[in-house]
């Protein structure tokens, strides 16, 4: 599993709107930042964290990582 290409990276502010498109629940970029730092507990009681990438002082994620996170949390 290699690193995503530059065009696949999404700023967390845009990823927050993507969460709304996928789940129908609105979240802020700050919520996504917390998902990375602290994680969320899934139905099995395990902590799942959102994958991110830092580039030039900015924080990014990918659509694939976001979908994987949402599925893992349940």
PDB file of N, CA and C in Angstrom:
ATOM      1  N   UNK A   1       0.842  -1.167   0.000  1.00  0.00           N
ATOM      2  CA  UNK A   1       0.000   0.000   0.000  1.00  0.00           C
ATOM      3  C   UNK A   1       0.891   1.236   0.000  1.00  0.00           C
ATOM      4  N   UNK A   2       0.934   1.926  -1.116  1.00  0.00           N
ATOM      5  CA  UNK A   2       1.791   3.095  -1.247  1.00  0.00           C
ATOM      6  C   UNK A   2       1.110   4.369  -0.804  1.00  0.00           C
ATOM      7  N   UNK A   3       1.885   5.422  -0.849  1.00  0.00           N
ATOM      8  CA  UNK A   3       1.338   6.732  -0.497  1.00  0.00           C
ATOM      9  C   UNK A   3       0.415   7.211  -1.607  1.00  0.00           C
ATOM     10  N   UNK A   4      -0.628   7.965  -1.247  1.00  0.00           N
ATOM     11  CA  UNK A   4      -1.529   8.490  -2.273  1.00  0.00           C
ATOM     12  C   UNK A   4      -0.832   9.553  -3.112  1.00  0.00           C
ATOM     13  N   UNK A   5      -1.307   9.718  -4.314  1.00  0.00           N
ATOM     14  CA  UNK A   5      -0.792  10.774  -5.188  1.00  0.00           C
ATOM     15  C   UNK A   5      -1.292  12.123  -4.683  1.00  0.00           C
ATOM     16  N   UNK A   6      -0.604  13.195  -5.068  1.00  0.00           N
ATOM     17  CA  UNK A   6      -0.965  14.528  -4.591  1.00  0.00           C
ATOM     18  C   UNK A   6      -2.418  14.886  -4.867  1.00  0.00           C
ATOM     19  N   UNK A   7      -2.953  14.488  -6.023  1.00  0.00           N
ATOM     20  CA  UNK A   7      -4.319  14.874  -6.360  1.00  0.00           C
ATOM     21  C   UNK A   7      -5.360  14.129  -5.520  1.00  0.00           C
ATOM     22  N   UNK A   8      -4.951  13.093  -4.805  1.00  0.00           N
ATOM     23  CA  UNK A   8      -5.885  12.359  -3.974  1.00  0.00           C
ATOM     24  C   UNK A   8      -6.039  12.973  -2.586  1.00  0.00           C
ATOM     25  N   UNK A   9      -5.129  13.849  -2.192  1.00  0.00           N
ATOM     26  CA  UNK A   9      -5.207  14.468  -0.879  1.00  0.00           C
ATOM     27  C   UNK A   9      -6.352  15.475  -0.830  1.00  0.00           C
ATOM     28  N   UNK A  10      -7.064  15.481   0.304  1.00  0.00           N
ATOM     29  CA  UNK A  10      -8.179  16.396   0.514  1.00  0.00           C
ATOM     30  C   UNK A  10      -7.912  17.147   1.815  1.00  0.00           C
ATOM     31  N   UNK A  11      -8.064  18.471   1.793  1.00  0.00           N
ATOM     32  CA  UNK A  11      -7.939  19.241   3.023  1.00  0.00           C
ATOM     33  C   UNK A  11      -9.045  18.809   3.977  1.00  0.00           C
ATOM     34  N   UNK A  12      -8.778  18.895   5.265  1.00  0.00           N
ATOM     35  CA  UNK A  12      -9.777  18.461   6.241  1.00  0.00           C
ATOM     36  C   UNK A  12     -11.057  19.277   6.154  1.00  0.00           C
ATOM     37  N   UNK A  13     -10.956  20.549   5.773  1.00  0.00           N
ATOM     38  CA  UNK A  13     -12.162  21.362   5.642  1.00  0.00           C
ATOM     39  C   UNK A  13     -13.070  20.821   4.530  1.00  0.00           C
ATOM     40  N   UNK A  14     -12.478  20.355   3.449  1.00  0.00           N
ATOM     41  CA  UNK A  14     -13.274  19.762   2.360  1.00  0.00           C
ATOM     42  C   UNK A  14     -13.711  18.349   2.723  1.00  0.00           C
ATOM     43  N   UNK A  15     -12.883  17.643   3.479  1.00  0.00           N
ATOM     44  CA  UNK A  15     -13.228  16.287   3.897  1.00  0.00           C
ATOM     45  C   UNK A  15     -14.439  16.294   4.817  1.00  0.00           C
ATOM     46  N   UNK A  16     -14.606  17.365   5.588  1.00  0.00           N
ATOM     47  CA  UNK A  16     -15.769  17.472   6.469  1.00  0.00           C
ATOM     48  C   UNK A  16     -17.058  17.492   5.647  1.00  0.00           C
ATOM     49  N   UNK A  17     -17.056  18.176   4.519  1.00  0.00           N
ATOM     50  CA  UNK A  17     -18.251  18.170   3.667  1.00  0.00           C
ATOM     51  C   UNK A  17     -18.431  16.813   2.996  1.00  0.00           C
ATOM     52  N   UNK A  18     -17.343  16.112   2.773  1.00  0.00           N
ATOM     53  CA  UNK A  18     -17.415  14.764   2.203  1.00  0.00           C
ATOM     54  C   UNK A  18     -18.065  13.792   3.198  1.00  0.00           C
ATOM     55  N   UNK A  19     -17.799  13.983   4.473  1.00  0.00           N
ATOM     56  CA  UNK A  19     -18.442  13.168   5.512  1.00  0.00           C
ATOM     57  C   UNK A  19     -19.954  13.346   5.430  1.00  0.00           C
ATOM     58  N   UNK A  20     -20.395  14.576   5.208  1.00  0.00           N
ATOM     59  CA  UNK A  20     -21.826  14.842   5.074  1.00  0.00           C
ATOM     60  C   UNK A  20     -22.406  14.120   3.861  1.00  0.00           C
ATOM     61  N   UNK A  21     -21.683  14.138   2.742  1.00  0.00           N
ATOM     62  CA  UNK A  21     -22.155  13.449   1.535  1.00  0.00           C
ATOM     63  C   UNK A  21     -22.280  11.952   1.760  1.00  0.00           C
ATOM     64  N   UNK A  22     -21.337  11.371   2.501  1.00  0.00           N
ATOM     65  CA  UNK A  22     -21.310   9.924   2.707  1.00  0.00           C
ATOM     66  C   UNK A  22     -22.328   9.480   3.759  1.00  0.00           C
ATOM     67  N   UNK A  23     -22.385  10.209   4.882  1.00  0.00           N
ATOM     68  CA  UNK A  23     -23.192   9.758   6.015  1.00  0.00           C
ATOM     69  C   UNK A  23     -24.476  10.542   6.237  1.00  0.00           C
ATOM     70  N   UNK A  24     -24.541  11.769   5.732  1.00  0.00           N
ATOM     71  CA  UNK A  24     -25.698  12.610   5.989  1.00  0.00           C
ATOM     72  C   UNK A  24     -25.598  13.356   7.303  1.00  0.00           C
ATOM     73  N   UNK A  25     -24.449  13.251   7.968  1.00  0.00           N
ATOM     74  CA  UNK A  25     -24.217  13.919   9.252  1.00  0.00           C
ATOM     75  C   UNK A  25     -23.113  14.948   9.047  1.00  0.00           C
ATOM     76  N   UNK A  26     -23.366  16.190   9.468  1.00  0.00           N
ATOM     77  CA  UNK A  26     -22.347  17.224   9.263  1.00  0.00           C
ATOM     78  C   UNK A  26     -21.323  17.198  10.394  1.00  0.00           C
ATOM     79  N   UNK A  27     -20.078  17.355  10.025  1.00  0.00           N
ATOM     80  CA  UNK A  27     -18.959  17.420  10.955  1.00  0.00           C
ATOM     81  C   UNK A  27     -18.037  18.548  10.526  1.00  0.00           C
ATOM     82  N   UNK A  28     -17.289  19.073  11.475  1.00  0.00           N
ATOM     83  CA  UNK A  28     -16.353  20.154  11.177  1.00  0.00           C
ATOM     84  C   UNK A  28     -14.957  19.571  10.947  1.00  0.00           C
ATOM     85  N   UNK A  29     -14.073  20.401  10.407  1.00  0.00           N
ATOM     86  CA  UNK A  29     -12.686  19.987  10.219  1.00  0.00           C
ATOM     87  C   UNK A  29     -12.052  19.676  11.574  1.00  0.00           C
ATOM     88  N   UNK A  30     -12.449  20.404  12.605  1.00  0.00           N
ATOM     89  CA  UNK A  30     -11.925  20.159  13.941  1.00  0.00           C
ATOM     90  C   UNK A  30     -12.314  18.765  14.426  1.00  0.00           C
ATOM     91  N   UNK A  31     -13.528  18.314  14.117  1.00  0.00           N
ATOM     92  CA  UNK A  31     -13.963  16.967  14.507  1.00  0.00           C
ATOM     93  C   UNK A  31     -13.081  15.919  13.833  1.00  0.00           C
ATOM     94  N   UNK A  32     -12.748  16.139  12.567  1.00  0.00           N
ATOM     95  CA  UNK A  32     -11.876  15.210  11.859  1.00  0.00           C
ATOM     96  C   UNK A  32     -10.475  15.203  12.465  1.00  0.00           C
ATOM     97  N   UNK A  33     -10.016  16.369  12.886  1.00  0.00           N
ATOM     98  CA  UNK A  33      -8.712  16.464  13.546  1.00  0.00           C
ATOM     99  C   UNK A  33      -8.724  15.634  14.841  1.00  0.00           C
ATOM    100  N   UNK A  34      -9.824  15.708  15.599  1.00  0.00           N
ATOM    101  CA  UNK A  34      -9.951  14.922  16.824  1.00  0.00           C
ATOM    102  C   UNK A  34     -10.032  13.427  16.512  1.00  0.00           C
ATOM    103  N   UNK A  35     -10.677  13.071  15.398  1.00  0.00           N
ATOM    104  CA  UNK A  35     -10.737  11.670  14.994  1.00  0.00           C
ATOM    105  C   UNK A  35      -9.337  11.125  14.753  1.00  0.00           C
ATOM    106  N   UNK A  36      -8.449  11.985  14.274  1.00  0.00           N
ATOM    107  CA  UNK A  36      -7.070  11.545  14.057  1.00  0.00           C
ATOM    108  C   UNK A  36      -6.311  11.446  15.381  1.00  0.00           C
ATOM    109  N   UNK A  37      -6.435  12.455  16.206  1.00  0.00           N
ATOM    110  CA  UNK A  37      -5.662  12.502  17.451  1.00  0.00           C
ATOM    111  C   UNK A  37      -6.138  11.496  18.504  1.00  0.00           C
ATOM    112  N   UNK A  38      -7.433  11.510  18.777  1.00  0.00           N
ATOM    113  CA  UNK A  38      -7.971  10.667  19.846  1.00  0.00           C
ATOM    114  C   UNK A  38      -8.638   9.408  19.318  1.00  0.00           C
ATOM    115  N   UNK A  39      -9.163   9.472  18.101  1.00  0.00           N
ATOM    116  CA  UNK A  39      -9.865   8.329  17.533  1.00  0.00           C
ATOM    117  C   UNK A  39     -11.310   8.248  18.006  1.00  0.00           C
ATOM    118  N   UNK A  40     -11.988   7.228  17.549  1.00  0.00           N
ATOM    119  CA  UNK A  40     -13.370   6.941  17.959  1.00  0.00           C
ATOM    120  C   UNK A  40     -13.438   5.473  18.342  1.00  0.00           C
ATOM    121  N   UNK A  41     -14.304   5.146  19.265  1.00  0.00           N
ATOM    122  CA  UNK A  41     -14.465   3.763  19.701  1.00  0.00           C
ATOM    123  C   UNK A  41     -15.497   3.094  18.800  1.00  0.00           C
ATOM    124  N   UNK A  42     -15.129   1.940  18.232  1.00  0.00           N
ATOM    125  CA  UNK A  42     -16.079   1.228  17.374  1.00  0.00           C
ATOM    126  C   UNK A  42     -16.966   0.310  18.219  1.00  0.00           C
ATOM    127  N   UNK A  43     -17.827  -0.438  17.579  1.00  0.00           N
ATOM    128  CA  UNK A  43     -18.788  -1.282  18.301  1.00  0.00           C
ATOM    129  C   UNK A  43     -18.109  -2.400  19.080  1.00  0.00           C
ATOM    130  N   UNK A  44     -16.892  -2.776  18.696  1.00  0.00           N
ATOM    131  CA  UNK A  44     -16.150  -3.822  19.408  1.00  0.00           C
ATOM    132  C   UNK A  44     -15.348  -3.257  20.581  1.00  0.00           C
ATOM    133  N   UNK A  45     -15.409  -1.943  20.780  1.00  0.00           N
ATOM    134  CA  UNK A  45     -14.692  -1.311  21.877  1.00  0.00           C
ATOM    135  C   UNK A  45     -13.246  -0.952  21.557  1.00  0.00           C
ATOM    136  N   UNK A  46     -12.868  -1.042  20.294  1.00  0.00           N
ATOM    137  CA  UNK A  46     -11.505  -0.728  19.860  1.00  0.00           C
ATOM    138  C   UNK A  46     -11.431   0.715  19.345  1.00  0.00           C
ATOM    139  N   UNK A  47     -10.333   1.411  19.648  1.00  0.00           N
ATOM    140  CA  UNK A  47     -10.168   2.785  19.175  1.00  0.00           C
ATOM    141  C   UNK A  47      -9.664   2.769  17.733  1.00  0.00           C
ATOM    142  N   UNK A  48     -10.356   3.511  16.878  1.00  0.00           N
ATOM    143  CA  UNK A  48     -10.002   3.630  15.461  1.00  0.00           C
ATOM    144  C   UNK A  48      -9.643   5.077  15.196  1.00  0.00           C
ATOM    145  N   UNK A  49      -8.521   5.318  14.510  1.00  0.00           N
ATOM    146  CA  UNK A  49      -8.094   6.681  14.215  1.00  0.00           C
ATOM    147  C   UNK A  49      -8.104   6.942  12.711  1.00  0.00           C
ATOM    148  N   UNK A  50      -8.454   8.168  12.346  1.00  0.00           N
ATOM    149  CA  UNK A  50      -8.452   8.597  10.954  1.00  0.00           C
ATOM    150  C   UNK A  50      -7.014   8.836  10.509  1.00  0.00           C
ATOM    151  N   UNK A  51      -6.653   8.298   9.361  1.00  0.00           N
ATOM    152  CA  UNK A  51      -5.309   8.509   8.816  1.00  0.00           C
ATOM    153  C   UNK A  51      -5.234   9.901   8.194  1.00  0.00           C
ATOM    154  N   UNK A  52      -4.117  10.562   8.401  1.00  0.00           N
ATOM    155  CA  UNK A  52      -3.893  11.864   7.783  1.00  0.00           C
ATOM    156  C   UNK A  52      -2.482  11.926   7.228  1.00  0.00           C
ATOM    157  N   UNK A  53      -2.229  12.950   6.429  1.00  0.00           N
ATOM    158  CA  UNK A  53      -0.890  13.239   5.924  1.00  0.00           C
ATOM    159  C   UNK A  53      -0.638  14.721   6.137  1.00  0.00           C
ATOM    160  N   UNK A  54       0.562  15.052   6.541  1.00  0.00           N
ATOM    161  CA  UNK A  54       0.943  16.453   6.719  1.00  0.00           C
ATOM    162  C   UNK A  54       1.885  16.820   5.582  1.00  0.00           C
ATOM    163  N   UNK A  55       1.542  17.914   4.894  1.00  0.00           N
ATOM    164  CA  UNK A  55       2.369  18.399   3.795  1.00  0.00           C
ATOM    165  C   UNK A  55       2.434  19.908   3.870  1.00  0.00           C
ATOM    166  N   UNK A  56       3.652  20.412   3.954  1.00  0.00           N
ATOM    167  CA  UNK A  56       3.886  21.857   3.989  1.00  0.00           C
ATOM    168  C   UNK A  56       3.054  22.557   5.064  1.00  0.00           C
ATOM    169  N   UNK A  57       2.955  21.948   6.216  1.00  0.00           N
ATOM    170  CA  UNK A  57       2.251  22.550   7.329  1.00  0.00           C
ATOM    171  C   UNK A  57       0.740  22.410   7.296  1.00  0.00           C
ATOM    172  N   UNK A  58       0.217  21.729   6.315  1.00  0.00           N
ATOM    173  CA  UNK A  58      -1.237  21.531   6.211  1.00  0.00           C
ATOM    174  C   UNK A  58      -1.574  20.064   6.454  1.00  0.00           C
ATOM    175  N   UNK A  59      -2.817  19.826   6.842  1.00  0.00           N
ATOM    176  CA  UNK A  59      -3.258  18.473   7.169  1.00  0.00           C
ATOM    177  C   UNK A  59      -4.249  18.003   6.101  1.00  0.00           C
ATOM    178  N   UNK A  60      -3.999  16.809   5.600  1.00  0.00           N
ATOM    179  CA  UNK A  60      -4.825  16.238   4.537  1.00  0.00           C
ATOM    180  C   UNK A  60      -5.227  14.814   4.896  1.00  0.00           C
ATOM    181  N   UNK A  61      -6.272  14.342   4.252  1.00  0.00           N
ATOM    182  CA  UNK A  61      -6.663  12.947   4.293  1.00  0.00           C
ATOM    183  C   UNK A  61      -7.053  12.566   2.862  1.00  0.00           C
ATOM    184  N   UNK A  62      -7.480  11.353   2.657  1.00  0.00           N
ATOM    185  CA  UNK A  62      -7.951  10.943   1.339  1.00  0.00           C
ATOM    186  C   UNK A  62      -9.373  10.402   1.469  1.00  0.00           C
ATOM    187  N   UNK A  63     -10.058  10.333   0.363  1.00  0.00           N
ATOM    188  CA  UNK A  63     -11.417   9.777   0.355  1.00  0.00           C
ATOM    189  C   UNK A  63     -11.382   8.328   0.841  1.00  0.00           C
ATOM    190  N   UNK A  64     -10.392   7.578   0.379  1.00  0.00           N
ATOM    191  CA  UNK A  64     -10.255   6.172   0.750  1.00  0.00           C
ATOM    192  C   UNK A  64     -10.067   6.033   2.261  1.00  0.00           C
ATOM    193  N   UNK A  65      -9.170   6.838   2.860  1.00  0.00           N
ATOM    194  CA  UNK A  65      -8.928   6.765   4.300  1.00  0.00           C
ATOM    195  C   UNK A  65     -10.183   7.134   5.077  1.00  0.00           C
ATOM    196  N   UNK A  66     -10.923   8.119   4.582  1.00  0.00           N
ATOM    197  CA  UNK A  66     -12.138   8.553   5.256  1.00  0.00           C
ATOM    198  C   UNK A  66     -13.203   7.456   5.234  1.00  0.00           C
ATOM    199  N   UNK A  67     -13.374   6.818   4.097  1.00  0.00           N
ATOM    200  CA  UNK A  67     -14.353   5.730   3.985  1.00  0.00           C
ATOM    201  C   UNK A  67     -13.943   4.548   4.858  1.00  0.00           C
ATOM    202  N   UNK A  68     -12.654   4.223   4.871  1.00  0.00           N
ATOM    203  CA  UNK A  68     -12.175   3.138   5.734  1.00  0.00           C
ATOM    204  C   UNK A  68     -12.451   3.431   7.203  1.00  0.00           C
ATOM    205  N   UNK A  69     -12.224   4.687   7.611  1.00  0.00           N
ATOM    206  CA  UNK A  69     -12.477   5.099   8.989  1.00  0.00           C
ATOM    207  C   UNK A  69     -13.953   4.954   9.339  1.00  0.00           C
ATOM    208  N   UNK A  70     -14.817   5.462   8.470  1.00  0.00           N
ATOM    209  CA  UNK A  70     -16.263   5.418   8.720  1.00  0.00           C
ATOM    210  C   UNK A  70     -16.738   3.964   8.820  1.00  0.00           C
ATOM    211  N   UNK A  71     -16.257   3.090   7.940  1.00  0.00           N
ATOM    212  CA  UNK A  71     -16.639   1.674   7.991  1.00  0.00           C
ATOM    213  C   UNK A  71     -16.125   1.007   9.262  1.00  0.00           C
ATOM    214  N   UNK A  72     -14.890   1.368   9.665  1.00  0.00           N
ATOM    215  CA  UNK A  72     -14.304   0.735  10.861  1.00  0.00           C
ATOM    216  C   UNK A  72     -15.032   1.153  12.133  1.00  0.00           C
ATOM    217  N   UNK A  73     -15.506   2.392  12.181  1.00  0.00           N
ATOM    218  CA  UNK A  73     -16.223   2.872  13.363  1.00  0.00           C
ATOM    219  C   UNK A  73     -17.612   2.220  13.426  1.00  0.00           C
ATOM    220  N   UNK A  74     -18.197   2.036  12.262  1.00  0.00           N
ATOM    221  CA  UNK A  74     -19.495   1.366  12.208  1.00  0.00           C
ATOM    222  C   UNK A  74     -20.591   2.300  12.355  1.00  0.00           C
TER     223      UNK A  74
END
